[in-house]
Amino acid sequence: MWIVPVALVALGLILFLVLRGGSGGGGILGRAQDDSIPRLRFRLSKVVPVPVTDAKPSELEHAARPAASAVTKTITALYSEAFLDPGNWRGGSYDSVWTLFDDGSRSAAQGEDQTLTLGPSAGDRYETVKQPKGKLSVKVLLDDKEQAATAVAIVRFETVATGKDGTLTTVVSTGQYFLHPGPDGWRIYSFSVGREDEEQAPQPGPSGSPSGGSS
C-alpha cells in the first residue's frame, strides 16, 4: 500500500525540479541568469568651487557641495544604466542613458554609444558585469549669488566584464562631463570621454582547457 504513494511523490518531485530547471529558475538542468544590477558608489574625491566674484573658493565649498552631490547622482545613474544594468546591455538598448543628456547633446551621445556604454553588441560578448568602482571630482561654477550655474565632473570608472568564452575585460572609462541644472536634475550638455579597456585571456581549467565558457 505504500509503494504507489511514494512513487507518485518521487515522480512529482522530479517533474518539479526538471520544470524549474528548464524555466531558467536555477534548477538541476540549468543555471539561473543573473539579472541583478551591481551596486555602484562613486567616491567624490574633491569639490572645487569656481566663483565669478572675488570670494575665495575655500569660503564657498558649502555652496558648491550640494551641487556636487547632485552631479554625483547623475553620473552614478549614467554608469549604472550604461554599463551595469543587464536589462540594458544584454539587449544593447540604452534608452534610459540618453535621458541623462539634454536635448542639445543627446544625438551626439547616441552617436558615441560604443564609448559611453558597454556597446550595442555587449549581450553577444559578455556573460556578467561585476565589481564596479569609480571616483570623480567636481568643479562647480557659482554665479554672483553663490548659486550653482554649471559643473564639470572629472570621472574614472572601472568594472569587470566576463566574456562568454571566459575572457575577462576590465572596462575603463575616463573623461569629463559638463552639466547644468534643470527641472529634472542635473543633465549633461557636453562631454569628452575615452575608453581604455584591458582584456585578459581565459584562465586554463584543471584539464588545461579554457575555463568559464558557456555551453
N, C-alpha and C. Protein backbone atom coordinates (compact mmCIF):
# COMPACT_ATOMS: atom_id res chain seq x y z
N MET A 1 0.82 -1.22 0.00
CA MET A 1 0.00 0.00 0.00
C MET A 1 0.84 1.26 0.00
N TRP A 2 2.11 1.16 0.39
CA TRP A 2 2.96 2.36 0.44
C TRP A 2 3.69 2.60 -0.88
N ILE A 3 3.73 1.62 -1.77
CA ILE A 3 4.57 1.74 -2.97
C ILE A 3 4.06 2.83 -3.90
N VAL A 4 2.76 2.84 -4.17
CA VAL A 4 2.20 3.80 -5.13
C VAL A 4 2.32 5.25 -4.65
N PRO A 5 1.93 5.58 -3.42
CA PRO A 5 2.08 6.98 -2.94
C PRO A 5 3.52 7.45 -2.97
N VAL A 6 4.46 6.62 -2.53
CA VAL A 6 5.86 7.04 -2.53
C VAL A 6 6.35 7.28 -3.94
N ALA A 7 5.97 6.42 -4.88
CA ALA A 7 6.39 6.59 -6.28
C ALA A 7 5.83 7.86 -6.86
N LEU A 8 4.57 8.16 -6.52
CA LEU A 8 3.96 9.38 -7.05
C LEU A 8 4.65 10.62 -6.49
N VAL A 9 4.98 10.60 -5.21
CA VAL A 9 5.67 11.73 -4.60
C VAL A 9 7.03 11.93 -5.25
N ALA A 10 7.76 10.84 -5.48
CA ALA A 10 9.08 10.93 -6.11
C ALA A 10 8.96 11.47 -7.52
N LEU A 11 7.95 10.98 -8.28
CA LEU A 11 7.74 11.46 -9.65
C LEU A 11 7.41 12.94 -9.67
N GLY A 12 6.57 13.36 -8.73
CA GLY A 12 6.21 14.78 -8.66
C GLY A 12 7.41 15.65 -8.36
N LEU A 13 8.28 15.19 -7.46
CA LEU A 13 9.48 15.95 -7.13
C LEU A 13 10.41 16.07 -8.32
N ILE A 14 10.57 14.97 -9.06
CA ILE A 14 11.44 15.00 -10.26
C ILE A 14 10.89 15.97 -11.29
N LEU A 15 9.57 15.92 -11.54
CA LEU A 15 8.98 16.84 -12.51
C LEU A 15 9.15 18.29 -12.09
N PHE A 16 8.99 18.54 -10.79
CA PHE A 16 9.16 19.92 -10.29
C PHE A 16 10.56 20.43 -10.57
N LEU A 17 11.57 19.60 -10.27
CA LEU A 17 12.96 20.01 -10.47
C LEU A 17 13.29 20.19 -11.94
N VAL A 18 12.76 19.29 -12.79
CA VAL A 18 13.03 19.39 -14.23
C VAL A 18 12.42 20.65 -14.80
N LEU A 19 11.15 20.91 -14.47
CA LEU A 19 10.48 22.09 -14.99
C LEU A 19 11.10 23.36 -14.46
N ARG A 20 11.50 23.35 -13.21
CA ARG A 20 12.14 24.54 -12.63
C ARG A 20 13.46 24.83 -13.32
N GLY A 21 14.23 23.79 -13.57
CA GLY A 21 15.49 23.99 -14.27
C GLY A 21 15.29 24.46 -15.68
N GLY A 22 14.29 23.92 -16.38
CA GLY A 22 14.07 24.30 -17.77
C GLY A 22 13.57 25.70 -17.93
N SER A 23 12.98 26.29 -16.88
CA SER A 23 12.46 27.65 -16.98
C SER A 23 13.47 28.69 -16.59
N GLY A 24 14.72 28.28 -16.36
CA GLY A 24 15.75 29.26 -16.00
C GLY A 24 15.74 29.64 -14.55
N GLY A 25 15.09 28.84 -13.70
CA GLY A 25 14.98 29.19 -12.29
C GLY A 25 16.10 28.67 -11.43
N GLY A 26 17.17 28.12 -12.05
CA GLY A 26 18.29 27.67 -11.26
C GLY A 26 18.19 26.22 -10.81
N GLY A 27 17.37 25.40 -11.51
CA GLY A 27 17.19 24.01 -11.14
C GLY A 27 18.35 23.16 -11.61
N ILE A 28 18.17 21.84 -11.53
CA ILE A 28 19.27 20.93 -11.79
C ILE A 28 19.64 20.88 -13.26
N LEU A 29 18.78 21.30 -14.16
CA LEU A 29 19.09 21.22 -15.59
C LEU A 29 19.56 22.55 -16.17
N GLY A 30 19.63 23.58 -15.38
CA GLY A 30 20.03 24.87 -15.93
C GLY A 30 20.56 25.79 -14.84
N ARG A 31 21.28 26.83 -15.26
CA ARG A 31 21.84 27.79 -14.32
C ARG A 31 21.10 29.11 -14.49
N ALA A 32 20.69 29.69 -13.38
CA ALA A 32 19.93 30.93 -13.44
C ALA A 32 20.77 32.06 -14.00
N GLN A 33 20.16 32.88 -14.83
CA GLN A 33 20.83 34.06 -15.36
C GLN A 33 20.76 35.17 -14.32
N ASP A 34 21.88 35.79 -14.05
CA ASP A 34 21.96 36.83 -13.03
C ASP A 34 21.57 38.17 -13.65
N ASP A 35 20.40 38.67 -13.30
CA ASP A 35 19.92 39.94 -13.83
C ASP A 35 20.00 41.06 -12.79
N SER A 36 20.71 40.83 -11.70
CA SER A 36 20.85 41.87 -10.69
C SER A 36 21.79 42.97 -11.18
N ILE A 37 21.57 44.18 -10.69
CA ILE A 37 22.42 45.33 -11.06
C ILE A 37 23.45 45.53 -9.96
N PRO A 38 24.74 45.39 -10.27
CA PRO A 38 25.76 45.61 -9.24
C PRO A 38 25.67 47.03 -8.69
N ARG A 39 25.88 47.14 -7.39
CA ARG A 39 25.79 48.46 -6.76
C ARG A 39 27.05 49.27 -7.06
N LEU A 40 26.85 50.49 -7.47
CA LEU A 40 27.96 51.39 -7.80
C LEU A 40 27.93 52.58 -6.85
N ARG A 41 29.09 52.86 -6.24
CA ARG A 41 29.22 54.03 -5.39
C ARG A 41 30.45 54.81 -5.85
N PHE A 42 30.21 55.98 -6.42
CA PHE A 42 31.32 56.84 -6.81
C PHE A 42 31.90 57.53 -5.58
N ARG A 43 33.20 57.53 -5.50
CA ARG A 43 33.88 58.26 -4.43
C ARG A 43 34.13 59.69 -4.89
N LEU A 44 33.51 60.63 -4.20
CA LEU A 44 33.68 62.04 -4.52
C LEU A 44 34.95 62.53 -3.84
N SER A 45 36.01 62.64 -4.63
CA SER A 45 37.32 62.92 -4.06
C SER A 45 37.57 64.41 -3.80
N LYS A 46 36.91 65.26 -4.57
CA LYS A 46 37.18 66.69 -4.40
C LYS A 46 36.02 67.51 -4.94
N VAL A 47 35.71 68.60 -4.25
CA VAL A 47 34.73 69.58 -4.73
C VAL A 47 35.44 70.92 -4.82
N VAL A 48 35.42 71.51 -6.01
CA VAL A 48 36.13 72.77 -6.25
C VAL A 48 35.14 73.86 -6.65
N PRO A 49 34.86 74.81 -5.77
CA PRO A 49 34.01 75.94 -6.17
C PRO A 49 34.78 76.89 -7.09
N VAL A 50 34.11 77.38 -8.11
CA VAL A 50 34.71 78.35 -9.04
C VAL A 50 33.81 79.59 -9.03
N PRO A 51 34.15 80.61 -8.25
CA PRO A 51 33.28 81.79 -8.15
C PRO A 51 33.54 82.79 -9.30
N VAL A 52 32.52 83.58 -9.60
CA VAL A 52 32.69 84.67 -10.56
C VAL A 52 32.94 85.99 -9.84
N THR A 53 32.89 85.95 -8.52
CA THR A 53 33.17 87.14 -7.72
C THR A 53 34.58 87.04 -7.15
N ASP A 54 34.90 87.96 -6.25
CA ASP A 54 36.22 87.97 -5.62
C ASP A 54 36.30 87.06 -4.40
N ALA A 55 35.24 86.33 -4.15
CA ALA A 55 35.23 85.45 -2.97
C ALA A 55 36.26 84.35 -3.13
N LYS A 56 36.83 83.93 -2.01
CA LYS A 56 37.79 82.84 -2.04
C LYS A 56 37.06 81.50 -2.21
N PRO A 57 37.56 80.63 -3.07
CA PRO A 57 36.91 79.33 -3.26
C PRO A 57 36.72 78.55 -1.97
N SER A 58 37.68 78.66 -1.06
CA SER A 58 37.59 77.91 0.20
C SER A 58 36.39 78.35 1.03
N GLU A 59 35.91 79.56 0.78
CA GLU A 59 34.78 80.08 1.54
C GLU A 59 33.44 79.66 0.94
N LEU A 60 33.47 79.03 -0.24
CA LEU A 60 32.24 78.74 -0.96
C LEU A 60 31.97 77.25 -1.13
N GLU A 61 32.76 76.43 -0.46
CA GLU A 61 32.54 74.99 -0.62
C GLU A 61 31.15 74.58 -0.13
N HIS A 62 30.64 75.26 0.89
CA HIS A 62 29.32 74.95 1.41
C HIS A 62 28.25 75.15 0.34
N ALA A 63 28.48 76.11 -0.57
CA ALA A 63 27.52 76.38 -1.64
C ALA A 63 27.68 75.39 -2.79
N ALA A 64 28.90 74.90 -3.00
CA ALA A 64 29.17 74.00 -4.12
C ALA A 64 28.86 72.54 -3.82
N ARG A 65 28.94 72.15 -2.57
CA ARG A 65 28.83 70.73 -2.25
C ARG A 65 27.45 70.14 -2.58
N PRO A 66 26.32 70.80 -2.33
CA PRO A 66 25.03 70.22 -2.73
C PRO A 66 24.96 69.96 -4.24
N ALA A 67 25.50 70.90 -5.02
CA ALA A 67 25.52 70.69 -6.47
C ALA A 67 26.39 69.50 -6.84
N ALA A 68 27.54 69.36 -6.18
CA ALA A 68 28.43 68.23 -6.45
C ALA A 68 27.75 66.91 -6.12
N SER A 69 26.98 66.89 -5.06
CA SER A 69 26.25 65.67 -4.69
C SER A 69 25.20 65.32 -5.75
N ALA A 70 24.52 66.34 -6.27
CA ALA A 70 23.52 66.11 -7.32
C ALA A 70 24.18 65.64 -8.62
N VAL A 71 25.34 66.19 -8.93
CA VAL A 71 26.08 65.76 -10.12
C VAL A 71 26.52 64.30 -9.95
N THR A 72 26.99 63.95 -8.77
CA THR A 72 27.39 62.57 -8.50
C THR A 72 26.22 61.62 -8.71
N LYS A 73 25.04 62.03 -8.33
CA LYS A 73 23.84 61.21 -8.52
C LYS A 73 23.59 60.96 -10.01
N THR A 74 23.74 62.00 -10.83
CA THR A 74 23.55 61.85 -12.28
C THR A 74 24.60 60.94 -12.88
N ILE A 75 25.86 61.11 -12.49
CA ILE A 75 26.94 60.29 -13.04
C ILE A 75 26.78 58.84 -12.60
N THR A 76 26.35 58.61 -11.38
CA THR A 76 26.10 57.24 -10.91
C THR A 76 25.01 56.58 -11.72
N ALA A 77 23.93 57.31 -11.97
CA ALA A 77 22.84 56.77 -12.80
C ALA A 77 23.33 56.48 -14.21
N LEU A 78 24.15 57.37 -14.75
CA LEU A 78 24.68 57.19 -16.10
C LEU A 78 25.44 55.88 -16.23
N TYR A 79 26.40 55.65 -15.36
CA TYR A 79 27.23 54.46 -15.48
C TYR A 79 26.49 53.19 -15.08
N SER A 80 25.56 53.29 -14.15
CA SER A 80 24.75 52.13 -13.80
C SER A 80 23.90 51.68 -14.98
N GLU A 81 23.28 52.63 -15.67
CA GLU A 81 22.43 52.30 -16.81
C GLU A 81 23.25 51.90 -18.04
N ALA A 82 24.42 52.52 -18.21
CA ALA A 82 25.20 52.32 -19.43
C ALA A 82 26.08 51.07 -19.39
N PHE A 83 26.47 50.63 -18.18
CA PHE A 83 27.43 49.53 -18.09
C PHE A 83 26.99 48.37 -17.19
N LEU A 84 26.09 48.60 -16.25
CA LEU A 84 25.84 47.61 -15.22
C LEU A 84 24.47 46.96 -15.29
N ASP A 85 23.48 47.60 -15.84
CA ASP A 85 22.12 47.06 -15.86
C ASP A 85 21.99 46.01 -16.96
N PRO A 86 21.85 44.71 -16.59
CA PRO A 86 21.73 43.68 -17.62
C PRO A 86 20.52 43.87 -18.52
N GLY A 87 19.49 44.52 -18.00
CA GLY A 87 18.32 44.79 -18.83
C GLY A 87 18.64 45.70 -20.00
N ASN A 88 19.73 46.46 -19.90
CA ASN A 88 20.16 47.33 -21.00
C ASN A 88 21.21 46.66 -21.88
N TRP A 89 22.33 46.20 -21.26
CA TRP A 89 23.44 45.74 -22.11
C TRP A 89 23.18 44.38 -22.74
N ARG A 90 22.34 43.54 -22.13
CA ARG A 90 22.05 42.25 -22.77
C ARG A 90 21.33 42.45 -24.11
N GLY A 91 20.46 43.45 -24.17
CA GLY A 91 19.74 43.72 -25.41
C GLY A 91 20.34 44.82 -26.25
N GLY A 92 21.39 45.48 -25.74
CA GLY A 92 22.05 46.54 -26.49
C GLY A 92 21.20 47.79 -26.66
N SER A 93 20.25 48.01 -25.73
CA SER A 93 19.37 49.18 -25.79
C SER A 93 19.60 50.04 -24.55
N TYR A 94 19.86 51.33 -24.77
CA TYR A 94 20.26 52.21 -23.66
C TYR A 94 19.40 53.47 -23.59
N ASP A 95 18.10 53.33 -23.80
CA ASP A 95 17.22 54.50 -23.81
C ASP A 95 17.29 55.27 -22.49
N SER A 96 17.43 54.56 -21.38
CA SER A 96 17.47 55.23 -20.08
C SER A 96 18.75 56.03 -19.88
N VAL A 97 19.77 55.76 -20.68
CA VAL A 97 21.02 56.53 -20.61
C VAL A 97 20.84 57.89 -21.26
N TRP A 98 20.20 57.91 -22.42
CA TRP A 98 20.14 59.15 -23.20
C TRP A 98 19.27 60.21 -22.54
N THR A 99 18.39 59.83 -21.63
CA THR A 99 17.58 60.83 -20.92
C THR A 99 18.42 61.68 -19.97
N LEU A 100 19.65 61.24 -19.67
CA LEU A 100 20.53 62.00 -18.79
C LEU A 100 21.31 63.08 -19.54
N PHE A 101 21.14 63.13 -20.85
CA PHE A 101 21.73 64.18 -21.67
C PHE A 101 20.63 65.17 -22.07
N ASP A 102 20.99 66.44 -22.21
CA ASP A 102 19.98 67.42 -22.60
C ASP A 102 19.69 67.32 -24.10
N ASP A 103 18.72 68.08 -24.56
CA ASP A 103 18.29 67.98 -25.96
C ASP A 103 19.41 68.30 -26.93
N GLY A 104 20.31 69.20 -26.54
CA GLY A 104 21.37 69.61 -27.45
C GLY A 104 22.50 68.61 -27.61
N SER A 105 22.66 67.71 -26.63
CA SER A 105 23.78 66.77 -26.68
C SER A 105 23.35 65.31 -26.87
N ARG A 106 22.05 65.07 -26.87
CA ARG A 106 21.58 63.68 -26.90
C ARG A 106 21.97 62.95 -28.18
N SER A 107 21.81 63.60 -29.31
CA SER A 107 22.16 62.94 -30.58
C SER A 107 23.64 62.62 -30.66
N ALA A 108 24.47 63.55 -30.19
CA ALA A 108 25.91 63.32 -30.18
C ALA A 108 26.27 62.16 -29.27
N ALA A 109 25.60 62.07 -28.13
CA ALA A 109 25.86 60.98 -27.20
C ALA A 109 25.47 59.63 -27.81
N GLN A 110 24.33 59.58 -28.47
CA GLN A 110 23.89 58.33 -29.09
C GLN A 110 24.86 57.88 -30.18
N GLY A 111 25.49 58.84 -30.83
CA GLY A 111 26.48 58.50 -31.84
C GLY A 111 27.79 57.98 -31.26
N GLU A 112 27.97 58.12 -29.94
CA GLU A 112 29.16 57.64 -29.25
C GLU A 112 28.83 56.47 -28.32
N ASP A 113 27.84 55.67 -28.70
CA ASP A 113 27.39 54.60 -27.80
C ASP A 113 28.46 53.55 -27.55
N GLN A 114 29.40 53.37 -28.47
CA GLN A 114 30.47 52.40 -28.24
C GLN A 114 31.39 52.85 -27.11
N THR A 115 31.49 54.16 -26.90
CA THR A 115 32.33 54.70 -25.84
C THR A 115 31.55 54.93 -24.55
N LEU A 116 30.35 55.45 -24.66
CA LEU A 116 29.59 55.86 -23.49
C LEU A 116 28.81 54.73 -22.84
N THR A 117 28.72 53.57 -23.50
CA THR A 117 28.03 52.42 -22.94
C THR A 117 28.88 51.17 -23.14
N LEU A 118 28.37 50.04 -22.66
CA LEU A 118 29.07 48.77 -22.86
C LEU A 118 29.01 48.34 -24.32
N GLY A 119 28.14 48.96 -25.09
CA GLY A 119 28.08 48.71 -26.52
C GLY A 119 26.83 47.97 -26.95
N PRO A 120 26.40 48.19 -28.20
CA PRO A 120 25.16 47.56 -28.68
C PRO A 120 25.25 46.05 -28.82
N SER A 121 26.44 45.49 -28.92
CA SER A 121 26.60 44.04 -29.06
C SER A 121 27.13 43.39 -27.79
N ALA A 122 27.06 44.09 -26.66
CA ALA A 122 27.60 43.57 -25.40
C ALA A 122 26.94 42.26 -25.00
N GLY A 123 25.66 42.11 -25.27
CA GLY A 123 24.96 40.89 -24.90
C GLY A 123 25.46 39.66 -25.63
N ASP A 124 26.05 39.87 -26.81
CA ASP A 124 26.62 38.75 -27.56
C ASP A 124 27.99 38.35 -27.03
N ARG A 125 28.65 39.28 -26.34
CA ARG A 125 30.03 39.04 -25.90
C ARG A 125 30.14 38.64 -24.44
N TYR A 126 29.31 39.24 -23.58
CA TYR A 126 29.53 39.12 -22.15
C TYR A 126 28.47 38.27 -21.45
N GLU A 127 28.92 37.60 -20.41
CA GLU A 127 28.04 36.80 -19.56
C GLU A 127 27.62 37.60 -18.33
N THR A 128 28.58 38.27 -17.68
CA THR A 128 28.30 39.05 -16.48
C THR A 128 29.16 40.32 -16.48
N VAL A 129 28.72 41.29 -15.70
CA VAL A 129 29.49 42.51 -15.45
C VAL A 129 29.44 42.76 -13.95
N LYS A 130 30.62 42.80 -13.32
CA LYS A 130 30.68 42.86 -11.86
C LYS A 130 31.78 43.83 -11.42
N GLN A 131 31.89 44.01 -10.10
CA GLN A 131 32.96 44.73 -9.43
C GLN A 131 33.15 46.18 -9.93
N PRO A 132 32.07 46.95 -9.98
CA PRO A 132 32.24 48.34 -10.40
C PRO A 132 32.85 49.21 -9.32
N LYS A 133 33.61 50.19 -9.73
CA LYS A 133 34.12 51.18 -8.81
C LYS A 133 34.39 52.46 -9.59
N GLY A 134 34.37 53.58 -8.90
CA GLY A 134 34.61 54.84 -9.58
C GLY A 134 34.94 55.96 -8.62
N LYS A 135 35.55 56.97 -9.16
CA LYS A 135 35.81 58.18 -8.39
C LYS A 135 35.65 59.37 -9.31
N LEU A 136 35.34 60.49 -8.72
CA LEU A 136 35.20 61.71 -9.50
C LEU A 136 35.48 62.92 -8.64
N SER A 137 35.87 63.98 -9.30
CA SER A 137 35.96 65.29 -8.67
C SER A 137 35.05 66.23 -9.45
N VAL A 138 34.52 67.21 -8.77
CA VAL A 138 33.54 68.09 -9.39
C VAL A 138 33.93 69.55 -9.18
N LYS A 139 34.00 70.28 -10.29
CA LYS A 139 34.17 71.72 -10.24
C LYS A 139 32.82 72.38 -10.48
N VAL A 140 32.45 73.30 -9.61
CA VAL A 140 31.14 73.93 -9.68
C VAL A 140 31.30 75.43 -9.89
N LEU A 141 30.76 75.94 -10.99
CA LEU A 141 30.77 77.38 -11.26
C LEU A 141 29.60 78.03 -10.54
N LEU A 142 29.92 78.97 -9.66
CA LEU A 142 28.90 79.67 -8.89
C LEU A 142 28.70 81.07 -9.44
N ASP A 143 27.44 81.49 -9.55
CA ASP A 143 27.18 82.84 -10.04
C ASP A 143 27.38 83.86 -8.92
N ASP A 144 27.05 85.12 -9.18
CA ASP A 144 27.30 86.17 -8.20
C ASP A 144 26.39 86.08 -6.99
N LYS A 145 25.40 85.19 -7.04
CA LYS A 145 24.53 84.96 -5.89
C LYS A 145 24.87 83.64 -5.19
N GLU A 146 26.02 83.09 -5.54
CA GLU A 146 26.52 81.84 -4.97
C GLU A 146 25.59 80.66 -5.28
N GLN A 147 24.95 80.73 -6.44
CA GLN A 147 24.12 79.64 -6.92
C GLN A 147 24.88 78.85 -7.98
N ALA A 148 24.75 77.54 -7.95
CA ALA A 148 25.46 76.70 -8.92
C ALA A 148 24.87 76.89 -10.31
N ALA A 149 25.72 77.25 -11.27
CA ALA A 149 25.28 77.51 -12.64
C ALA A 149 25.62 76.33 -13.56
N THR A 150 26.84 75.87 -13.52
CA THR A 150 27.28 74.71 -14.29
C THR A 150 28.28 73.92 -13.45
N ALA A 151 28.62 72.71 -13.95
CA ALA A 151 29.60 71.88 -13.24
C ALA A 151 30.34 71.01 -14.24
N VAL A 152 31.54 70.65 -13.85
CA VAL A 152 32.34 69.70 -14.63
C VAL A 152 32.68 68.52 -13.72
N ALA A 153 32.33 67.33 -14.15
CA ALA A 153 32.66 66.10 -13.41
C ALA A 153 33.82 65.41 -14.11
N ILE A 154 34.91 65.23 -13.40
CA ILE A 154 36.09 64.53 -13.93
C ILE A 154 36.03 63.11 -13.36
N VAL A 155 35.89 62.12 -14.24
CA VAL A 155 35.44 60.79 -13.85
C VAL A 155 36.44 59.71 -14.25
N ARG A 156 36.58 58.71 -13.37
CA ARG A 156 37.23 57.45 -13.72
C ARG A 156 36.34 56.32 -13.21
N PHE A 157 36.03 55.38 -14.10
CA PHE A 157 35.14 54.27 -13.78
C PHE A 157 35.76 52.98 -14.29
N GLU A 158 35.62 51.91 -13.46
CA GLU A 158 36.09 50.59 -13.88
C GLU A 158 35.06 49.54 -13.50
N THR A 159 34.98 48.49 -14.31
CA THR A 159 34.20 47.31 -13.98
C THR A 159 34.78 46.13 -14.73
N VAL A 160 34.43 44.93 -14.31
CA VAL A 160 34.99 43.72 -14.92
C VAL A 160 33.87 42.96 -15.63
N ALA A 161 34.03 42.78 -16.94
CA ALA A 161 33.07 42.04 -17.75
C ALA A 161 33.65 40.67 -18.09
N THR A 162 32.89 39.63 -17.81
CA THR A 162 33.31 38.26 -18.12
C THR A 162 32.67 37.84 -19.43
N GLY A 163 33.52 37.49 -20.40
CA GLY A 163 33.03 37.09 -21.70
C GLY A 163 32.44 35.69 -21.68
N LYS A 164 31.66 35.37 -22.68
CA LYS A 164 31.06 34.04 -22.79
C LYS A 164 32.11 32.97 -23.05
N ASP A 165 33.30 33.40 -23.49
CA ASP A 165 34.41 32.46 -23.68
C ASP A 165 35.34 32.43 -22.47
N GLY A 166 34.97 33.13 -21.39
CA GLY A 166 35.79 33.16 -20.19
C GLY A 166 36.77 34.32 -20.14
N THR A 167 36.88 35.08 -21.21
CA THR A 167 37.78 36.24 -21.22
C THR A 167 37.32 37.29 -20.22
N LEU A 168 38.28 37.84 -19.47
CA LEU A 168 37.98 38.92 -18.53
C LEU A 168 38.41 40.24 -19.14
N THR A 169 37.50 41.20 -19.17
CA THR A 169 37.79 42.53 -19.69
C THR A 169 37.56 43.56 -18.60
N THR A 170 38.61 44.29 -18.24
CA THR A 170 38.45 45.42 -17.33
C THR A 170 38.04 46.62 -18.17
N VAL A 171 36.81 47.05 -18.01
CA VAL A 171 36.27 48.19 -18.75
C VAL A 171 36.65 49.46 -18.01
N VAL A 172 37.36 50.36 -18.69
CA VAL A 172 37.85 51.58 -18.06
C VAL A 172 37.35 52.78 -18.86
N SER A 173 36.62 53.65 -18.19
CA SER A 173 36.09 54.88 -18.80
C SER A 173 36.63 56.09 -18.03
N THR A 174 37.23 57.02 -18.75
CA THR A 174 37.73 58.24 -18.12
C THR A 174 37.33 59.44 -18.97
N GLY A 175 37.15 60.57 -18.32
CA GLY A 175 36.84 61.77 -19.08
C GLY A 175 36.14 62.82 -18.25
N GLN A 176 35.52 63.74 -18.96
CA GLN A 176 34.85 64.86 -18.32
C GLN A 176 33.43 65.00 -18.87
N TYR A 177 32.53 65.31 -17.96
CA TYR A 177 31.14 65.59 -18.32
C TYR A 177 30.81 67.00 -17.84
N PHE A 178 30.17 67.77 -18.71
CA PHE A 178 29.76 69.13 -18.38
C PHE A 178 28.24 69.12 -18.18
N LEU A 179 27.81 69.63 -17.04
CA LEU A 179 26.39 69.53 -16.67
C LEU A 179 25.83 70.88 -16.24
N HIS A 180 24.52 70.99 -16.39
CA HIS A 180 23.82 72.14 -15.83
C HIS A 180 22.52 71.68 -15.18
N PRO A 181 22.01 72.47 -14.23
CA PRO A 181 20.80 72.05 -13.51
C PRO A 181 19.55 72.31 -14.34
N GLY A 182 18.55 71.46 -14.10
CA GLY A 182 17.26 71.62 -14.76
C GLY A 182 16.15 71.14 -13.86
N PRO A 183 14.92 71.17 -14.35
CA PRO A 183 13.78 70.75 -13.51
C PRO A 183 13.83 69.28 -13.12
N ASP A 184 14.54 68.45 -13.89
CA ASP A 184 14.62 67.02 -13.60
C ASP A 184 16.00 66.62 -13.09
N GLY A 185 16.72 67.56 -12.51
CA GLY A 185 18.05 67.27 -12.02
C GLY A 185 19.13 67.76 -12.97
N TRP A 186 20.36 67.42 -12.67
CA TRP A 186 21.48 67.86 -13.49
C TRP A 186 21.60 66.98 -14.74
N ARG A 187 21.72 67.66 -15.90
CA ARG A 187 21.80 66.96 -17.17
C ARG A 187 23.10 67.33 -17.88
N ILE A 188 23.59 66.39 -18.69
CA ILE A 188 24.87 66.56 -19.39
C ILE A 188 24.63 67.34 -20.68
N TYR A 189 25.41 68.40 -20.90
CA TYR A 189 25.28 69.15 -22.14
C TYR A 189 26.52 69.04 -23.03
N SER A 190 27.59 68.48 -22.51
CA SER A 190 28.79 68.25 -23.31
C SER A 190 29.65 67.21 -22.60
N PHE A 191 30.56 66.59 -23.35
CA PHE A 191 31.39 65.54 -22.73
C PHE A 191 32.64 65.32 -23.57
N SER A 192 33.66 64.81 -22.89
CA SER A 192 34.91 64.38 -23.55
C SER A 192 35.36 63.13 -22.80
N VAL A 193 35.07 61.97 -23.37
CA VAL A 193 35.23 60.70 -22.67
C VAL A 193 35.96 59.71 -23.56
N GLY A 194 36.82 58.90 -22.95
CA GLY A 194 37.55 57.86 -23.66
C GLY A 194 37.45 56.53 -22.95
N ARG A 195 37.81 55.46 -23.65
CA ARG A 195 37.83 54.11 -23.09
C ARG A 195 39.21 53.50 -23.26
N GLU A 196 39.65 52.79 -22.22
CA GLU A 196 40.93 52.09 -22.25
C GLU A 196 40.73 50.70 -21.66
N ASP A 197 39.92 49.89 -22.32
CA ASP A 197 39.61 48.56 -21.81
C ASP A 197 40.84 47.65 -21.88
N GLU A 198 40.94 46.76 -20.89
CA GLU A 198 42.06 45.83 -20.81
C GLU A 198 41.52 44.40 -20.78
N GLU A 199 41.92 43.60 -21.77
CA GLU A 199 41.40 42.24 -21.90
C GLU A 199 42.44 41.22 -21.49
N GLN A 200 41.99 40.20 -20.76
CA GLN A 200 42.84 39.09 -20.36
C GLN A 200 42.30 37.80 -20.94
N ALA A 201 43.20 36.92 -21.39
CA ALA A 201 42.78 35.63 -21.94
C ALA A 201 42.15 34.78 -20.85
N PRO A 202 41.27 33.86 -21.23
CA PRO A 202 40.68 32.95 -20.23
C PRO A 202 41.76 32.16 -19.51
N GLN A 203 41.55 31.93 -18.22
CA GLN A 203 42.47 31.12 -17.44
C GLN A 203 42.22 29.64 -17.74
N PRO A 204 43.29 28.83 -17.93
CA PRO A 204 43.08 27.40 -18.20
C PRO A 204 42.46 26.70 -17.00
N GLY A 205 41.53 25.79 -17.28
CA GLY A 205 40.90 25.00 -16.24
C GLY A 205 41.78 23.85 -15.81
N PRO A 206 41.30 23.00 -14.92
CA PRO A 206 42.10 21.88 -14.41
C PRO A 206 42.58 20.93 -15.50
N SER A 207 41.80 20.81 -16.60
CA SER A 207 42.17 19.89 -17.65
C SER A 207 43.09 20.51 -18.67
N GLY A 208 43.41 21.81 -18.48
CA GLY A 208 44.27 22.51 -19.42
C GLY A 208 43.51 23.28 -20.48
N SER A 209 42.18 23.13 -20.50
CA SER A 209 41.36 23.85 -21.45
C SER A 209 40.84 25.11 -20.80
N PRO A 210 40.47 26.16 -21.59
CA PRO A 210 39.96 27.40 -21.01
C PRO A 210 38.73 27.14 -20.15
N SER A 211 38.67 27.85 -19.03
CA SER A 211 37.53 27.71 -18.13
C SER A 211 36.64 28.92 -18.26
N GLY A 212 35.41 28.77 -17.77
CA GLY A 212 34.49 29.90 -17.69
C GLY A 212 33.63 30.05 -18.92
N GLY A 213 33.82 29.24 -19.97
CA GLY A 213 32.99 29.38 -21.16
C GLY A 213 31.61 28.80 -20.91
N SER A 214 30.66 29.23 -21.73
CA SER A 214 29.31 28.71 -21.60
C SER A 214 29.09 27.63 -22.63
N SER A 215 28.29 26.65 -22.29
CA SER A 215 28.00 25.56 -23.22
C SER A 215 26.70 25.83 -23.94
